Amino acid sequence: MKKIIISPSILSADFANLAQEIDFIGKAGADWVHIDVMDGHFVPNITIGVPVVKSIRKVTDLVLDTHLMIENPEDYIEPFAEAGSDILTIHYEACADRVGDVIQKIKEKGVKAGLSIKPKTDAREIIPYLGNVDLVLIMTVEPGFGGQEFIHDCALKIPVIKENSPEDMIIQVDGGINNLTSKICISLGANSLVAGSYIFGQKDYRQAIESLR
């Protein structure tokens, strides 16, 4: 069985000590760093931008898993890629009429392309794009804020994606992930988990990360 990729979301980290927090999760066994970029339009919250990603790149060798919860993502692909993102995940809902072009733009920058869907979006809508992306991110909460409860029905999208994807597809789940909901997602076929408050809310990051696998 392949190792489950754990990508702690720094949305729940202590921003006053961000470099140290990233160092801690790396030493605790995290595989990636999940960076939630929100613009206050596509989702009702504002988080971080390009300068922070650039700063994070300087302090870690972990994969920077950048989740663009923003309108017009194509306008920000180049700056986020050049800031050091290894993966750029866009939202299908933000560019449904041109998603193929946006994915191509990500690929042209030499980074991996991800495609995310909100809880109310039918997984079958993105089947035509599954051959062109490296990662699918299934949101199991409404994007915008950390600490929300897991929406169980959303997990049922995982096998739909799995059945229609190449074997090496990374199927990531984000929202309400803890030591119980992680098992549900893994049993349905997920191989990457994003967790914020569950990891950063515990004293022992290593134990929290291992409990997700």
Protein backbone atom coordinates (compact mmCIF):
# COMPACT_ATOMS: atom_id res chain seq x y z
CA MET A 1 0.00 0.00 0.00
CA LYS A 2 1.29 3.43 -0.98
CA LYS A 3 2.02 5.95 1.72
CA ILE A 4 -0.74 8.47 2.37
CA ILE A 5 0.50 11.99 1.65
CA ILE A 6 -0.16 14.32 4.58
CA SER A 7 -0.31 18.03 3.76
CA PRO A 8 -0.83 20.15 6.90
CA SER A 9 -2.70 23.38 6.20
CA ILE A 10 -0.81 26.35 7.57
CA LEU A 11 -4.11 28.24 7.80
CA SER A 12 -4.22 26.84 11.35
CA ALA A 13 -0.55 27.45 12.16
CA ASP A 14 0.86 30.18 14.40
CA PHE A 15 1.65 32.86 11.82
CA ALA A 16 3.88 34.72 14.27
CA ASN A 17 6.17 31.68 14.20
CA LEU A 18 5.44 30.31 10.73
CA ALA A 19 8.98 29.22 9.81
CA GLN A 20 9.25 27.31 13.07
CA GLU A 21 5.83 25.71 12.60
CA ILE A 22 6.81 24.50 9.12
CA ASP A 23 10.06 23.12 10.50
CA PHE A 24 8.10 21.30 13.22
CA ILE A 25 5.66 19.63 10.80
CA GLY A 26 8.52 18.61 8.52
CA LYS A 27 10.32 16.92 11.40
CA ALA A 28 7.02 15.36 12.49
CA GLY A 29 6.62 13.53 9.18
CA ALA A 30 4.54 15.85 7.00
CA ASP A 31 5.06 15.33 3.27
CA TRP A 32 3.78 18.64 1.93
CA VAL A 33 2.82 22.12 3.14
CA HIS A 34 -0.73 23.08 2.17
CA ILE A 35 -1.08 26.80 1.50
CA ASP A 36 -4.62 28.17 1.34
CA VAL A 37 -4.82 31.29 -0.81
CA MET A 38 -8.15 33.11 -0.46
CA ASP A 39 -9.14 36.39 -2.08
CA GLY A 40 -12.29 37.45 -0.19
CA HIS A 41 -14.33 37.08 -3.40
CA PHE A 42 -14.36 33.42 -4.43
CA VAL A 43 -14.53 32.52 -0.74
CA PRO A 44 -15.51 34.79 2.18
CA ASN A 45 -12.06 35.12 3.70
CA ILE A 46 -8.68 36.67 2.87
CA THR A 47 -5.49 34.82 3.72
CA ILE A 48 -2.05 35.05 2.15
CA GLY A 49 -0.47 35.98 -1.14
CA VAL A 50 2.64 35.59 -3.24
CA PRO A 51 5.16 37.20 -0.82
CA VAL A 52 4.32 34.69 1.93
CA VAL A 53 4.72 31.73 -0.44
CA LYS A 54 8.08 33.16 -1.51
CA SER A 55 9.14 33.41 2.13
CA ILE A 56 7.99 29.87 2.91
CA ARG A 57 9.99 28.53 -0.04
CA LYS A 58 13.16 29.90 1.56
CA VAL A 59 12.68 27.95 4.81
CA THR A 60 11.62 24.48 3.65
CA ASP A 61 12.32 21.77 1.09
CA LEU A 62 8.84 20.28 1.54
CA VAL A 63 6.49 20.30 -1.43
CA LEU A 64 4.49 23.54 -1.48
CA ASP A 65 0.91 22.52 -2.19
CA THR A 66 -0.77 25.81 -3.09
CA HIS A 67 -4.57 25.86 -3.21
CA LEU A 68 -5.89 28.88 -5.11
CA MET A 69 -9.38 29.67 -3.81
CA ILE A 70 -9.56 32.75 -5.96
CA GLU A 71 -11.39 34.27 -8.91
CA ASN A 72 -9.54 34.48 -12.25
CA PRO A 73 -6.81 32.02 -11.17
CA GLU A 74 -5.10 32.29 -14.55
CA ASP A 75 -3.92 35.80 -13.60
CA TYR A 76 -1.96 34.46 -10.63
CA ILE A 77 -0.43 31.23 -11.93
CA GLU A 78 2.84 32.79 -13.01
CA PRO A 79 3.55 34.70 -9.76
CA PHE A 80 2.65 31.76 -7.52
CA ALA A 81 4.70 29.35 -9.63
CA GLU A 82 7.69 31.70 -9.59
CA ALA A 83 7.31 32.15 -5.82
CA GLY A 84 8.12 28.45 -5.43
CA SER A 85 4.85 26.50 -5.51
CA ASP A 86 5.32 22.88 -6.56
CA ILE A 87 1.60 22.28 -7.07
CA LEU A 88 -1.04 24.81 -8.07
CA THR A 89 -4.62 23.70 -7.48
CA ILE A 90 -7.37 25.80 -9.01
CA HIS A 91 -11.12 25.61 -8.43
CA TYR A 92 -13.28 24.26 -11.22
CA GLU A 93 -16.05 26.65 -10.18
CA ALA A 94 -13.77 29.70 -10.59
CA CYS A 95 -13.08 29.03 -14.27
CA ALA A 96 -15.49 26.32 -15.47
CA ASP A 97 -15.75 27.84 -18.96
CA ARG A 98 -11.96 27.84 -19.50
CA VAL A 99 -10.61 25.28 -17.07
CA GLY A 100 -8.67 23.38 -19.76
CA ASP A 101 -6.77 26.53 -20.72
CA VAL A 102 -5.96 27.34 -17.09
CA ILE A 103 -4.65 23.81 -16.48
CA GLN A 104 -2.47 24.14 -19.57
CA LYS A 105 -1.09 27.43 -18.28
CA ILE A 106 -0.10 25.75 -15.00
CA LYS A 107 1.65 22.95 -16.89
CA GLU A 108 3.56 25.46 -18.99
CA LYS A 109 5.07 26.90 -15.81
CA GLY A 110 6.56 23.50 -14.98
CA VAL A 111 4.53 22.83 -11.84
CA LYS A 112 1.93 20.14 -11.11
CA ALA A 113 -1.69 21.01 -11.79
CA GLY A 114 -4.54 20.34 -9.39
CA LEU A 115 -8.29 20.77 -9.80
CA SER A 116 -10.60 21.26 -6.82
CA ILE A 117 -14.36 21.08 -6.40
CA LYS A 118 -16.63 22.54 -3.72
CA PRO A 119 -19.14 20.40 -1.79
CA LYS A 120 -22.08 21.22 -4.06
CA THR A 121 -20.25 20.43 -7.32
CA ASP A 122 -20.92 17.01 -8.89
CA ALA A 123 -17.66 15.09 -9.30
CA ARG A 124 -18.76 13.95 -12.76
CA GLU A 125 -18.44 17.50 -14.05
CA ILE A 126 -14.64 17.32 -13.94
CA ILE A 127 -14.24 13.86 -15.50
CA PRO A 128 -13.25 15.36 -18.89
CA TYR A 129 -10.19 16.99 -17.27
CA LEU A 130 -8.89 14.07 -15.23
CA GLY A 131 -6.38 13.01 -17.85
CA ASN A 132 -4.70 16.42 -17.76
CA VAL A 133 -4.23 17.05 -14.04
CA ASP A 134 -1.92 15.55 -11.43
CA LEU A 135 -4.22 16.04 -8.45
CA VAL A 136 -7.91 16.33 -7.66
CA LEU A 137 -8.87 18.06 -4.41
CA ILE A 138 -12.28 17.19 -3.01
CA MET A 139 -13.51 19.74 -0.50
CA THR A 140 -15.45 18.16 2.36
CA VAL A 141 -16.35 21.55 3.87
CA GLU A 142 -17.35 24.83 2.26
CA PRO A 143 -14.00 26.52 1.56
CA GLY A 144 -13.18 29.70 3.42
CA PHE A 145 -12.52 28.88 7.05
CA GLY A 146 -10.75 26.18 9.03
CA GLY A 147 -12.24 24.07 11.80
CA GLN A 148 -15.49 23.11 10.05
CA GLU A 149 -17.22 19.74 10.35
CA PHE A 150 -16.66 17.05 7.72
CA ILE A 151 -19.52 16.67 5.20
CA HIS A 152 -19.82 12.89 4.82
CA ASP A 153 -21.70 12.95 1.50
CA CYS A 154 -18.78 14.72 -0.14
CA ALA A 155 -16.51 11.73 0.55
CA LEU A 156 -18.65 9.69 -1.85
CA LYS A 157 -17.07 11.70 -4.69
CA ILE A 158 -13.73 9.98 -4.02
CA PRO A 159 -14.58 6.66 -5.76
CA VAL A 160 -16.13 8.54 -8.70
CA ILE A 161 -12.84 10.35 -9.25
CA LYS A 162 -10.80 7.20 -8.66
CA GLU A 163 -12.78 5.16 -11.19
CA ASN A 164 -12.26 7.77 -13.90
CA SER A 165 -8.63 8.75 -13.24
CA PRO A 166 -5.22 7.45 -14.24
CA GLU A 167 -3.70 5.09 -11.65
CA ASP A 168 -1.18 7.66 -10.46
CA MET A 169 -3.77 10.37 -9.72
CA ILE A 170 -3.37 12.08 -6.36
CA ILE A 171 -6.84 12.22 -4.80
CA GLN A 172 -6.70 14.74 -1.99
CA VAL A 173 -9.39 15.55 0.57
CA ASP A 174 -9.60 18.77 2.58
CA GLY A 175 -12.06 19.77 5.29
CA GLY A 176 -12.82 18.37 8.72
CA ILE A 177 -10.04 15.79 8.47
CA ASN A 178 -9.17 14.06 11.74
CA ASN A 179 -8.14 10.58 12.87
CA LEU A 180 -11.66 9.26 12.18
CA THR A 181 -12.66 11.01 8.95
CA SER A 182 -9.24 10.27 7.47
CA LYS A 183 -10.00 6.54 7.64
CA ILE A 184 -13.27 7.07 5.76
CA CYS A 185 -11.46 8.96 2.98
CA ILE A 186 -8.63 6.44 2.71
CA SER A 187 -11.07 3.52 2.57
CA LEU A 188 -12.84 5.21 -0.36
CA GLY A 189 -9.59 5.72 -2.29
CA ALA A 190 -8.04 9.01 -1.17
CA ASN A 191 -4.23 9.05 -1.03
CA SER A 192 -3.60 12.59 0.21
CA LEU A 193 -5.12 14.38 3.19
CA VAL A 194 -5.12 18.04 4.18
CA ALA A 195 -5.55 18.81 7.87
CA GLY A 196 -5.15 22.11 9.66
CA SER A 197 -6.74 22.53 13.05
CA TYR A 198 -6.46 18.79 13.82
CA ILE A 199 -2.65 18.86 13.47
CA PHE A 200 -1.81 22.34 14.71
CA GLY A 201 -4.30 22.04 17.58
CA GLN A 202 -2.35 19.21 19.17
CA LYS A 203 0.86 19.32 21.17
CA ASP A 204 2.39 16.32 19.42
CA TYR A 205 2.41 17.02 15.67
CA ARG A 206 4.03 13.66 14.88
CA GLN A 207 1.34 11.71 16.67
CA ALA A 208 -1.38 13.76 14.95
CA ILE A 209 0.13 13.19 11.50
CA GLU A 210 0.63 9.46 12.05
CA SER A 211 -2.94 9.07 13.34
CA LEU A 212 -4.23 10.34 9.98
CA ARG A 213 -2.49 7.59 8.04
